[in-house]
Amino acid sequence: MTRTRLVAGLALCFALAAGLAVAKPRNGDMGVYLDDNGNVVGTFVVSCDGVFSYEGTRTTHALTNGRLHCNLP
């Protein structure tokens, strides 16, 4: 029983980690795109209505560093 719980727990951890790795920015998120050296090369914002926009260069290294104050329904 303990081994089964351990395997189930590890599987859950891997599933959560994979979900976080492909998570997309949520409505109201703001952030930056970093190059391989950690330099900011672009910015992005997702409006409260879910409209995505960016300036500069998009990379695979996106870092969310702020949120818009959106009115909640």
Protein backbone atom coordinates (compact mmCIF):
# COMPACT_ATOMS: atom_id res chain seq x y z
CA MET A 1 0.00 0.00 0.00
CA THR A 2 2.81 2.44 0.84
CA ARG A 3 4.57 1.78 -2.47
CA THR A 4 1.32 2.41 -4.37
CA ARG A 5 0.84 5.73 -2.60
CA LEU A 6 4.42 6.73 -3.33
CA VAL A 7 4.03 5.95 -7.04
CA ALA A 8 0.68 7.80 -7.16
CA GLY A 9 2.22 10.80 -5.37
CA LEU A 10 5.15 10.93 -7.76
CA ALA A 11 2.84 10.69 -10.75
CA LEU A 12 0.78 13.59 -9.41
CA CYS A 13 3.92 15.68 -8.87
CA PHE A 14 5.09 15.06 -12.44
CA ALA A 15 1.64 15.93 -13.81
CA LEU A 16 1.55 19.20 -11.87
CA ALA A 17 5.08 20.10 -12.94
CA ALA A 18 4.20 19.45 -16.59
CA GLY A 19 1.08 21.59 -16.26
CA LEU A 20 3.05 24.49 -14.84
CA ALA A 21 5.65 24.21 -17.58
CA VAL A 22 3.06 24.81 -20.31
CA ALA A 23 0.87 27.24 -18.37
CA LYS A 24 -0.18 30.29 -20.36
CA PRO A 25 -0.46 33.78 -18.90
CA ARG A 26 -3.84 34.55 -17.33
CA ASN A 27 -5.99 37.59 -18.02
CA GLY A 28 -4.37 40.63 -16.42
CA ASP A 29 -0.80 39.23 -16.43
CA MET A 30 2.15 41.39 -17.43
CA GLY A 31 5.68 40.19 -17.96
CA VAL A 32 8.94 40.14 -19.84
CA TYR A 33 10.73 37.90 -22.31
CA LEU A 34 14.34 37.03 -21.48
CA ASP A 35 17.14 35.90 -23.77
CA ASP A 36 19.47 33.02 -22.88
CA ASN A 37 21.67 35.40 -20.87
CA GLY A 38 18.76 36.72 -18.77
CA ASN A 39 18.49 40.08 -20.52
CA VAL A 40 15.04 41.55 -21.14
CA VAL A 41 14.32 41.51 -24.88
CA GLY A 42 10.55 42.02 -24.89
CA THR A 43 7.44 42.63 -22.81
CA PHE A 44 3.90 41.27 -22.85
CA VAL A 45 0.52 42.02 -21.35
CA VAL A 46 -2.76 40.13 -21.35
CA SER A 47 -5.65 42.55 -20.92
CA CYS A 48 -8.47 41.91 -18.49
CA ASP A 49 -10.52 40.80 -21.52
CA GLY A 50 -7.86 38.25 -22.54
CA VAL A 51 -6.29 40.19 -25.43
CA PHE A 52 -2.57 39.31 -25.67
CA SER A 53 -0.06 41.88 -26.93
CA TYR A 54 3.71 42.16 -26.87
CA GLU A 55 6.57 44.44 -27.85
CA GLY A 56 10.12 43.44 -28.69
CA THR A 57 11.19 39.84 -29.18
CA ARG A 58 9.20 36.83 -27.98
CA THR A 59 11.29 34.01 -26.53
CA THR A 60 10.57 30.77 -24.72
CA HIS A 61 11.76 32.39 -21.47
CA ALA A 62 8.70 34.35 -20.35
CA LEU A 63 8.54 35.70 -16.81
CA THR A 64 5.31 37.10 -15.36
CA ASN A 65 6.16 40.00 -13.08
CA GLY A 66 2.92 41.90 -12.56
CA ARG A 67 -0.87 41.92 -12.73
CA LEU A 68 -3.44 44.43 -13.92
CA HIS A 69 -6.21 45.32 -11.49
CA CYS A 70 -9.19 43.79 -13.27
CA ASN A 71 -12.78 44.17 -12.11
CA LEU A 72 -14.06 40.78 -11.09
CA PRO A 73 -17.60 39.77 -12.09
